């Protein structure tokens, strides 16, 4: 028996998990932790997929070249994958988002950068994944929900507008469904807050 997974299904599964955690957040507060972890995972991997280029070379900090042919050695262990913050910078760069003639970079607004880098990545995801025992930690559920929408805008752009990610029809339908359901649930939770 084998687990078979690829970069596209991995993204979709993480989006599904994030959606499930957000929808079930009333039933278990710990779902907010898993929402952040799975949503960060989905968004980071989606950015890497968009940056990969047809040969997989666009996801490395300083790619190791394979020899005189100038190709990136994608299997070299010295290659370092772009981190979340670097990937956000790269998806805004037209020279990095140029695999195809009709490719487009993401045009970020200041709130996209601040929310994704400072809040989703640095404050929440890193705190949950690298949790340091302390006497306690309280965080507003509304704050967690508020940072989801800018990430959903980025995800939606990368899948449906950037022309850098090629998903089949079934995959596109599932991604659209998960993004729409997450938007709806986030807006519902935010309306309860006010």
Protein backbone atom coordinates (compact mmCIF):
# COMPACT_ATOMS: atom_id res chain seq x y z
CA UNK A 1 0.00 0.00 0.00
CA UNK A 2 1.37 3.42 -1.02
CA UNK A 3 0.49 7.05 -0.43
CA UNK A 4 0.62 8.77 -3.80
CA UNK A 5 0.71 12.53 -3.86
CA UNK A 6 1.84 15.24 -6.26
CA UNK A 7 2.37 18.96 -5.91
CA UNK A 8 -1.11 19.83 -7.20
CA UNK A 9 -3.10 17.35 -5.09
CA UNK A 10 -0.98 18.34 -2.09
CA UNK A 11 -2.11 21.96 -2.51
CA UNK A 12 -5.75 20.95 -2.97
CA UNK A 13 -5.67 18.67 0.06
CA UNK A 14 -4.22 21.43 2.24
CA UNK A 15 -6.89 23.86 0.99
CA UNK A 16 -9.56 21.27 1.80
CA UNK A 17 -8.12 20.83 5.28
CA UNK A 18 -8.04 24.60 5.83
CA UNK A 19 -11.65 24.83 4.63
CA UNK A 20 -12.74 21.99 6.93
CA UNK A 21 -11.02 23.58 9.93
CA UNK A 22 -12.59 26.97 9.24
CA UNK A 23 -16.07 25.49 8.79
CA UNK A 24 -15.73 23.39 11.95
CA UNK A 25 -14.13 26.17 14.00
CA UNK A 26 -17.23 26.56 16.22
CA UNK A 27 -16.88 22.93 17.35
CA UNK A 28 -13.23 22.97 18.40
CA UNK A 29 -10.98 25.98 19.02
CA UNK A 30 -7.91 23.97 18.01
CA UNK A 31 -9.24 24.01 14.45
CA UNK A 32 -7.91 27.57 14.22
CA UNK A 33 -4.37 26.25 14.71
CA UNK A 34 -4.81 23.65 11.97
CA UNK A 35 -6.49 26.24 9.74
CA UNK A 36 -3.34 28.40 9.89
CA UNK A 37 -0.94 25.51 9.38
CA UNK A 38 -2.83 23.96 6.45
CA UNK A 39 -3.64 27.29 4.79
CA UNK A 40 -0.01 28.44 5.04
CA UNK A 41 1.08 25.10 3.57
CA UNK A 42 -1.39 25.37 0.68
CA UNK A 43 -0.47 28.98 -0.12
CA UNK A 44 3.29 28.42 0.09
CA UNK A 45 3.11 25.38 -2.16
CA UNK A 46 0.81 27.17 -4.60
CA UNK A 47 3.30 30.04 -4.87
CA UNK A 48 6.10 27.55 -5.50
CA UNK A 49 4.03 25.80 -8.17
CA UNK A 50 3.44 29.15 -9.90
CA UNK A 51 7.17 29.93 -9.76
CA UNK A 52 8.45 26.47 -10.73
CA UNK A 53 8.78 27.08 -14.49
CA UNK A 54 8.47 24.10 -16.82
CA UNK A 55 11.79 22.65 -15.61
CA UNK A 56 11.18 23.18 -11.88
CA UNK A 57 13.99 25.72 -11.64
CA UNK A 58 12.11 28.77 -10.32
CA UNK A 59 11.70 27.62 -6.71
CA UNK A 60 15.31 27.87 -5.52
CA UNK A 61 17.06 30.76 -3.73
CA UNK A 62 20.33 30.44 -5.65
CA UNK A 63 19.97 27.54 -8.07
CA UNK A 64 22.90 25.19 -8.53
CA UNK A 65 23.73 24.92 -12.23
CA UNK A 66 24.28 21.43 -13.62
CA UNK A 67 27.18 22.04 -15.93
CA UNK A 68 27.92 23.72 -19.22
CA UNK A 69 24.31 23.39 -20.41
CA UNK A 70 23.20 26.08 -17.93
CA UNK A 71 20.32 23.99 -16.58
CA UNK A 72 19.46 24.01 -12.90
CA UNK A 73 20.28 20.81 -11.06
CA UNK A 74 16.87 20.43 -9.39
CA UNK A 75 18.05 17.34 -7.48
CA UNK A 76 21.12 18.97 -5.93
CA UNK A 77 20.84 18.90 -2.13
CA UNK A 78 22.59 22.28 -1.91
CA UNK A 79 19.59 23.98 -3.51
CA UNK A 80 17.51 25.84 -0.92
CA UNK A 81 13.78 26.15 -1.51
CA UNK A 82 12.30 29.66 -1.40
CA UNK A 83 10.73 30.35 1.96
CA UNK A 84 7.21 31.77 2.29
CA UNK A 85 8.29 35.43 2.40
CA UNK A 86 10.64 35.04 -0.56
CA UNK A 87 7.91 33.32 -2.57
CA UNK A 88 5.55 36.26 -1.94
CA UNK A 89 8.22 38.63 -3.26
CA UNK A 90 8.88 36.43 -6.29
CA UNK A 91 5.22 36.10 -7.37
CA UNK A 92 5.14 39.90 -7.71
CA UNK A 93 8.16 39.95 -10.02
CA UNK A 94 7.32 39.85 -13.74
CA UNK A 95 10.75 38.37 -14.45
CA UNK A 96 10.02 35.45 -12.12
CA UNK A 97 6.40 34.94 -13.21
CA UNK A 98 7.14 34.52 -16.90
CA UNK A 99 6.88 30.84 -17.82
CA UNK A 100 4.41 31.55 -20.60
CA UNK A 101 3.58 34.40 -22.96
CA UNK A 102 0.36 35.23 -21.09
CA UNK A 103 1.80 34.85 -17.55
CA UNK A 104 1.10 37.63 -15.06
CA UNK A 105 2.70 38.54 -11.72
CA UNK A 106 0.55 39.20 -8.67
CA UNK A 107 -0.01 42.92 -8.09
CA UNK A 108 0.02 43.09 -4.32
CA UNK A 109 -1.52 45.79 -2.21
CA UNK A 110 0.31 46.70 1.01
CA UNK A 111 -2.18 44.69 3.09
CA UNK A 112 -1.34 41.50 1.16
CA UNK A 113 2.33 41.73 2.08
CA UNK A 114 1.86 42.76 5.70
CA UNK A 115 -0.89 40.24 6.34
CA UNK A 116 0.83 37.28 4.69
CA UNK A 117 4.44 37.88 5.78
CA UNK A 118 4.01 39.44 9.21
CA UNK A 119 0.78 37.88 10.40
CA UNK A 120 0.15 34.55 8.65
CA UNK A 121 3.79 33.48 8.37
CA UNK A 122 5.72 35.13 11.20
CA UNK A 123 3.18 35.56 13.98
CA UNK A 124 0.77 32.68 13.53
CA UNK A 125 2.19 29.84 11.48
CA UNK A 126 5.65 30.01 13.02
CA UNK A 127 4.19 30.30 16.52
CA UNK A 128 2.00 27.24 15.99
CA UNK A 129 4.62 25.09 14.26
CA UNK A 130 7.53 26.09 16.50
CA UNK A 131 5.45 26.39 19.65
CA UNK A 132 7.43 27.35 22.72
CA UNK A 133 5.87 26.26 26.00
CA UNK A 134 4.69 29.23 28.00
CA UNK A 135 2.13 29.81 30.68
CA UNK A 136 -0.50 30.48 28.07
CA UNK A 137 -1.23 32.19 24.83
CA UNK A 138 -4.45 33.94 23.92
CA UNK A 139 -5.20 35.05 20.42
CA UNK A 140 -8.35 36.53 18.94
CA UNK A 141 -10.23 34.15 16.66
CA UNK A 142 -11.36 37.21 14.68
CA UNK A 143 -7.72 38.13 14.05
CA UNK A 144 -7.07 34.65 12.66
CA UNK A 145 -10.09 34.84 10.37
CA UNK A 146 -9.20 38.35 9.14
CA UNK A 147 -5.86 37.24 7.76
CA UNK A 148 -7.38 34.48 5.64
CA UNK A 149 -9.07 36.69 3.02
CA UNK A 150 -5.89 38.34 1.60
CA UNK A 151 -4.36 34.86 1.26
CA UNK A 152 -7.46 33.64 -0.54
CA UNK A 153 -7.09 36.56 -2.97
CA UNK A 154 -3.52 35.48 -3.70
CA UNK A 155 -4.50 31.83 -4.10
CA UNK A 156 -7.37 32.70 -6.41
CA UNK A 157 -5.12 34.89 -8.57
CA UNK A 158 -2.43 32.23 -8.86
CA UNK A 159 -4.89 29.50 -9.85
CA UNK A 160 -7.28 31.43 -12.07
CA UNK A 161 -5.43 34.48 -13.42
CA UNK A 162 -1.63 34.13 -13.35
CA UNK A 163 -1.52 31.53 -16.15
CA UNK A 164 1.37 29.90 -14.27
CA UNK A 165 -0.49 26.94 -12.74
CA UNK A 166 -2.12 24.27 -14.84
CA UNK A 167 -4.77 22.29 -13.02
CA UNK A 168 -7.26 20.01 -14.74
CA UNK A 169 -10.97 20.86 -14.75
CA UNK A 170 -11.81 18.73 -11.71
CA UNK A 171 -8.95 20.26 -9.72
CA UNK A 172 -10.02 23.79 -10.70
CA UNK A 173 -13.59 23.08 -9.57
CA UNK A 174 -12.42 21.76 -6.20
CA UNK A 175 -10.09 24.72 -5.65
CA UNK A 176 -12.85 27.18 -6.55
CA UNK A 177 -15.25 25.40 -4.20
CA UNK A 178 -12.79 25.45 -1.29
CA UNK A 179 -11.85 29.11 -1.81
CA UNK A 180 -15.52 30.15 -2.11
CA UNK A 181 -16.50 28.18 0.99
CA UNK A 182 -13.61 29.64 2.96
CA UNK A 183 -14.52 33.18 1.86
CA UNK A 184 -18.15 32.63 2.81
CA UNK A 185 -17.31 31.15 6.21
CA UNK A 186 -14.72 33.84 6.99
CA UNK A 187 -17.21 36.57 6.11
CA UNK A 188 -19.87 34.86 8.24
CA UNK A 189 -17.53 34.71 11.24
CA UNK A 190 -16.44 38.33 10.74
CA UNK A 191 -20.06 39.50 10.56
CA UNK A 192 -20.72 37.83 13.94
CA UNK A 193 -17.78 39.75 15.36
CA UNK A 194 -19.24 43.17 14.51
